[in-house]
Amino acid sequence: RSAVSRYYYAAYHHALSVCRTKYGYKEKKSGDDHTGVRAHVVWIDEDVADSLDDLRKWRNMCDYADVVANLSVIVAEAKAGCDVVFKFS
């Protein structure tokens, strides 16, 4: 479960950094940045935005659900999604 959370935060912070330095994103330094970064990215690379959406959904599931079905599949998909985001530059 913690691996999924780590994949999400690694991907999110990478996307935030790229958006801030290359694409003019103005960080709010609040929880609003999670949706703000995704909204900023969707205009640049829809695949990256989709990966961020999936990663956040899986992170929330792993952090808050009592039972997570198919956890090994979710971990593999989260790694793949993180890889997509890390190609964003």
N, C-alpha and C. Protein backbone atom coordinates (compact mmCIF):
# COMPACT_ATOMS: atom_id res chain seq x y z
N ARG A 1 0.82 -1.20 0.00
CA ARG A 1 0.00 0.00 0.00
C ARG A 1 0.86 1.26 0.00
N SER A 2 1.91 1.26 0.81
CA SER A 2 2.74 2.46 0.88
C SER A 2 3.47 2.71 -0.43
N ALA A 3 3.75 1.66 -1.20
CA ALA A 3 4.42 1.84 -2.49
C ALA A 3 3.56 2.69 -3.43
N VAL A 4 2.26 2.44 -3.42
CA VAL A 4 1.36 3.20 -4.29
C VAL A 4 1.37 4.67 -3.89
N SER A 5 1.32 4.94 -2.60
CA SER A 5 1.37 6.32 -2.12
C SER A 5 2.68 6.99 -2.54
N ARG A 6 3.78 6.28 -2.42
CA ARG A 6 5.08 6.84 -2.79
C ARG A 6 5.18 7.10 -4.29
N TYR A 7 4.63 6.18 -5.09
CA TYR A 7 4.61 6.41 -6.55
C TYR A 7 3.82 7.68 -6.87
N TYR A 8 2.66 7.83 -6.22
CA TYR A 8 1.86 9.02 -6.49
C TYR A 8 2.62 10.29 -6.13
N TYR A 9 3.17 10.36 -4.93
CA TYR A 9 3.83 11.59 -4.51
C TYR A 9 5.09 11.88 -5.32
N ALA A 10 5.80 10.85 -5.72
CA ALA A 10 6.97 11.06 -6.59
C ALA A 10 6.52 11.66 -7.92
N ALA A 11 5.48 11.09 -8.50
CA ALA A 11 4.97 11.59 -9.78
C ALA A 11 4.41 13.00 -9.64
N TYR A 12 3.63 13.23 -8.60
CA TYR A 12 3.04 14.54 -8.37
C TYR A 12 4.12 15.61 -8.22
N HIS A 13 5.11 15.36 -7.40
CA HIS A 13 6.15 16.38 -7.18
C HIS A 13 7.00 16.60 -8.43
N HIS A 14 7.20 15.57 -9.23
CA HIS A 14 7.91 15.75 -10.50
C HIS A 14 7.08 16.65 -11.42
N ALA A 15 5.79 16.32 -11.56
CA ALA A 15 4.92 17.13 -12.43
C ALA A 15 4.82 18.56 -11.93
N LEU A 16 4.71 18.73 -10.62
CA LEU A 16 4.66 20.08 -10.04
C LEU A 16 5.92 20.86 -10.39
N SER A 17 7.06 20.25 -10.24
CA SER A 17 8.33 20.92 -10.53
C SER A 17 8.43 21.31 -12.00
N VAL A 18 8.07 20.40 -12.89
CA VAL A 18 8.13 20.71 -14.33
C VAL A 18 7.14 21.82 -14.67
N CYS A 19 5.93 21.73 -14.15
CA CYS A 19 4.92 22.76 -14.43
C CYS A 19 5.35 24.13 -13.92
N ARG A 20 5.96 24.14 -12.76
CA ARG A 20 6.42 25.42 -12.17
C ARG A 20 7.56 26.01 -12.97
N THR A 21 8.56 25.20 -13.30
CA THR A 21 9.77 25.74 -13.92
C THR A 21 9.65 25.95 -15.42
N LYS A 22 8.86 25.12 -16.11
CA LYS A 22 8.81 25.21 -17.57
C LYS A 22 7.51 25.76 -18.13
N TYR A 23 6.42 25.63 -17.36
CA TYR A 23 5.12 25.96 -17.92
C TYR A 23 4.35 27.01 -17.13
N GLY A 24 5.02 27.69 -16.20
CA GLY A 24 4.44 28.84 -15.53
C GLY A 24 3.37 28.55 -14.50
N TYR A 25 3.32 27.34 -13.99
CA TYR A 25 2.31 27.04 -12.96
C TYR A 25 2.64 27.82 -11.69
N LYS A 26 1.63 28.46 -11.14
CA LYS A 26 1.78 29.22 -9.89
C LYS A 26 1.29 28.35 -8.74
N GLU A 27 2.23 27.82 -7.99
CA GLU A 27 1.91 26.93 -6.88
C GLU A 27 1.16 27.68 -5.77
N LYS A 28 0.10 27.05 -5.25
CA LYS A 28 -0.69 27.65 -4.19
C LYS A 28 -0.22 27.18 -2.81
N LYS A 29 0.61 26.15 -2.80
CA LYS A 29 1.12 25.56 -1.55
C LYS A 29 -0.03 25.09 -0.66
N SER A 30 -1.00 24.43 -1.30
CA SER A 30 -2.14 23.87 -0.58
C SER A 30 -2.56 22.59 -1.30
N GLY A 31 -3.55 21.93 -0.74
CA GLY A 31 -4.09 20.73 -1.36
C GLY A 31 -4.67 20.99 -2.74
N ASP A 32 -4.99 22.25 -3.02
CA ASP A 32 -5.52 22.60 -4.34
C ASP A 32 -4.52 22.36 -5.45
N ASP A 33 -3.24 22.28 -5.11
CA ASP A 33 -2.23 22.05 -6.14
C ASP A 33 -2.35 20.68 -6.79
N HIS A 34 -2.91 19.71 -6.07
CA HIS A 34 -3.05 18.37 -6.65
C HIS A 34 -3.96 18.41 -7.88
N THR A 35 -5.09 19.09 -7.77
CA THR A 35 -5.97 19.23 -8.93
C THR A 35 -5.45 20.30 -9.88
N GLY A 36 -4.79 21.32 -9.34
CA GLY A 36 -4.26 22.40 -10.17
C GLY A 36 -3.17 21.92 -11.12
N VAL A 37 -2.28 21.09 -10.62
CA VAL A 37 -1.21 20.55 -11.48
C VAL A 37 -1.82 19.70 -12.57
N ARG A 38 -2.76 18.84 -12.21
CA ARG A 38 -3.40 17.98 -13.21
C ARG A 38 -4.10 18.84 -14.28
N ALA A 39 -4.80 19.88 -13.85
CA ALA A 39 -5.49 20.76 -14.80
C ALA A 39 -4.50 21.48 -15.70
N HIS A 40 -3.33 21.83 -15.17
CA HIS A 40 -2.29 22.49 -15.96
C HIS A 40 -1.68 21.51 -16.97
N VAL A 41 -1.44 20.28 -16.51
CA VAL A 41 -0.79 19.27 -17.35
C VAL A 41 -1.69 18.81 -18.50
N VAL A 42 -2.99 18.77 -18.29
CA VAL A 42 -3.89 18.21 -19.30
C VAL A 42 -3.76 18.94 -20.64
N TRP A 43 -3.40 20.21 -20.60
CA TRP A 43 -3.24 20.99 -21.83
C TRP A 43 -1.90 20.71 -22.51
N ILE A 44 -0.97 20.11 -21.79
CA ILE A 44 0.38 19.86 -22.30
C ILE A 44 0.53 18.39 -22.72
N ASP A 45 0.06 17.48 -21.88
CA ASP A 45 0.21 16.05 -22.15
C ASP A 45 -0.91 15.29 -21.44
N GLU A 46 -1.90 14.90 -22.20
CA GLU A 46 -3.08 14.25 -21.63
C GLU A 46 -2.75 12.90 -20.99
N ASP A 47 -1.78 12.18 -21.54
CA ASP A 47 -1.39 10.89 -20.95
C ASP A 47 -0.83 11.09 -19.55
N VAL A 48 -0.04 12.13 -19.36
CA VAL A 48 0.51 12.42 -18.04
C VAL A 48 -0.62 12.80 -17.08
N ALA A 49 -1.54 13.62 -17.54
CA ALA A 49 -2.68 14.01 -16.70
C ALA A 49 -3.51 12.78 -16.30
N ASP A 50 -3.74 11.88 -17.25
CA ASP A 50 -4.48 10.66 -16.95
C ASP A 50 -3.74 9.79 -15.93
N SER A 51 -2.42 9.71 -16.07
CA SER A 51 -1.62 8.94 -15.12
C SER A 51 -1.70 9.55 -13.72
N LEU A 52 -1.64 10.86 -13.63
CA LEU A 52 -1.77 11.53 -12.33
C LEU A 52 -3.14 11.24 -11.71
N ASP A 53 -4.18 11.25 -12.52
CA ASP A 53 -5.53 10.93 -12.03
C ASP A 53 -5.59 9.51 -11.47
N ASP A 54 -5.07 8.57 -12.25
CA ASP A 54 -5.08 7.18 -11.81
C ASP A 54 -4.27 7.00 -10.53
N LEU A 55 -3.09 7.58 -10.50
CA LEU A 55 -2.23 7.46 -9.33
C LEU A 55 -2.91 8.03 -8.08
N ARG A 56 -3.56 9.16 -8.22
CA ARG A 56 -4.23 9.75 -7.06
C ARG A 56 -5.40 8.88 -6.59
N LYS A 57 -6.15 8.34 -7.54
CA LYS A 57 -7.26 7.45 -7.20
C LYS A 57 -6.74 6.22 -6.45
N TRP A 58 -5.67 5.62 -6.96
CA TRP A 58 -5.11 4.43 -6.30
C TRP A 58 -4.50 4.77 -4.94
N ARG A 59 -3.86 5.93 -4.84
CA ARG A 59 -3.29 6.34 -3.54
C ARG A 59 -4.40 6.49 -2.51
N ASN A 60 -5.48 7.16 -2.88
CA ASN A 60 -6.59 7.33 -1.95
C ASN A 60 -7.17 5.98 -1.54
N MET A 61 -7.30 5.07 -2.49
CA MET A 61 -7.81 3.75 -2.19
C MET A 61 -6.88 3.03 -1.20
N CYS A 62 -5.60 3.06 -1.49
CA CYS A 62 -4.63 2.36 -0.63
C CYS A 62 -4.49 3.01 0.74
N ASP A 63 -4.65 4.30 0.81
CA ASP A 63 -4.51 4.99 2.10
C ASP A 63 -5.75 4.89 2.97
N TYR A 64 -6.93 4.78 2.36
CA TYR A 64 -8.16 4.90 3.14
C TYR A 64 -9.08 3.70 3.14
N ALA A 65 -8.99 2.82 2.17
CA ALA A 65 -9.88 1.65 2.12
C ALA A 65 -9.42 0.60 3.12
N ASP A 66 -10.37 -0.08 3.73
CA ASP A 66 -10.03 -1.16 4.66
C ASP A 66 -9.41 -2.34 3.93
N VAL A 67 -9.92 -2.64 2.73
CA VAL A 67 -9.43 -3.76 1.94
C VAL A 67 -9.18 -3.25 0.52
N VAL A 68 -8.04 -3.63 -0.05
CA VAL A 68 -7.72 -3.25 -1.42
C VAL A 68 -7.56 -4.53 -2.24
N ALA A 69 -8.52 -4.77 -3.13
CA ALA A 69 -8.46 -5.96 -3.98
C ALA A 69 -7.40 -5.76 -5.06
N ASN A 70 -6.76 -6.83 -5.44
CA ASN A 70 -5.77 -6.82 -6.53
C ASN A 70 -4.63 -5.84 -6.27
N LEU A 71 -4.15 -5.81 -5.06
CA LEU A 71 -3.10 -4.84 -4.69
C LEU A 71 -1.86 -4.99 -5.56
N SER A 72 -1.44 -6.19 -5.87
CA SER A 72 -0.23 -6.36 -6.67
C SER A 72 -0.40 -5.78 -8.07
N VAL A 73 -1.60 -5.87 -8.62
CA VAL A 73 -1.88 -5.27 -9.93
C VAL A 73 -1.85 -3.75 -9.83
N ILE A 74 -2.43 -3.22 -8.77
CA ILE A 74 -2.45 -1.76 -8.57
C ILE A 74 -1.03 -1.23 -8.40
N VAL A 75 -0.20 -1.94 -7.66
CA VAL A 75 1.19 -1.51 -7.48
C VAL A 75 1.91 -1.48 -8.83
N ALA A 76 1.73 -2.50 -9.64
CA ALA A 76 2.36 -2.54 -10.97
C ALA A 76 1.86 -1.40 -11.85
N GLU A 77 0.56 -1.16 -11.83
CA GLU A 77 -0.01 -0.07 -12.62
C GLU A 77 0.48 1.29 -12.11
N ALA A 78 0.61 1.43 -10.80
CA ALA A 78 1.11 2.68 -10.23
C ALA A 78 2.55 2.94 -10.66
N LYS A 79 3.37 1.90 -10.68
CA LYS A 79 4.75 2.06 -11.15
C LYS A 79 4.76 2.50 -12.61
N ALA A 80 3.93 1.86 -13.43
CA ALA A 80 3.85 2.23 -14.85
C ALA A 80 3.38 3.67 -15.02
N GLY A 81 2.40 4.08 -14.23
CA GLY A 81 1.92 5.46 -14.28
C GLY A 81 2.98 6.45 -13.86
N CYS A 82 3.73 6.11 -12.85
CA CYS A 82 4.83 6.97 -12.39
C CYS A 82 5.88 7.10 -13.49
N ASP A 83 6.16 6.00 -14.18
CA ASP A 83 7.12 6.04 -15.29
C ASP A 83 6.66 7.00 -16.39
N VAL A 84 5.37 7.00 -16.68
CA VAL A 84 4.81 7.92 -17.69
C VAL A 84 5.04 9.36 -17.25
N VAL A 85 4.76 9.66 -16.01
CA VAL A 85 4.91 11.03 -15.51
C VAL A 85 6.37 11.47 -15.53
N PHE A 86 7.29 10.56 -15.21
CA PHE A 86 8.70 10.94 -15.16
C PHE A 86 9.29 11.19 -16.55
N LYS A 87 8.59 10.83 -17.61
CA LYS A 87 9.02 11.18 -18.97
C LYS A 87 8.61 12.61 -19.33
N PHE A 88 7.73 13.18 -18.54
CA PHE A 88 7.24 14.54 -18.74
C PHE A 88 8.34 15.54 -18.40
N SER A 89 8.61 16.41 -19.36
CA SER A 89 9.66 17.42 -19.10
C SER A 89 9.41 18.68 -19.90
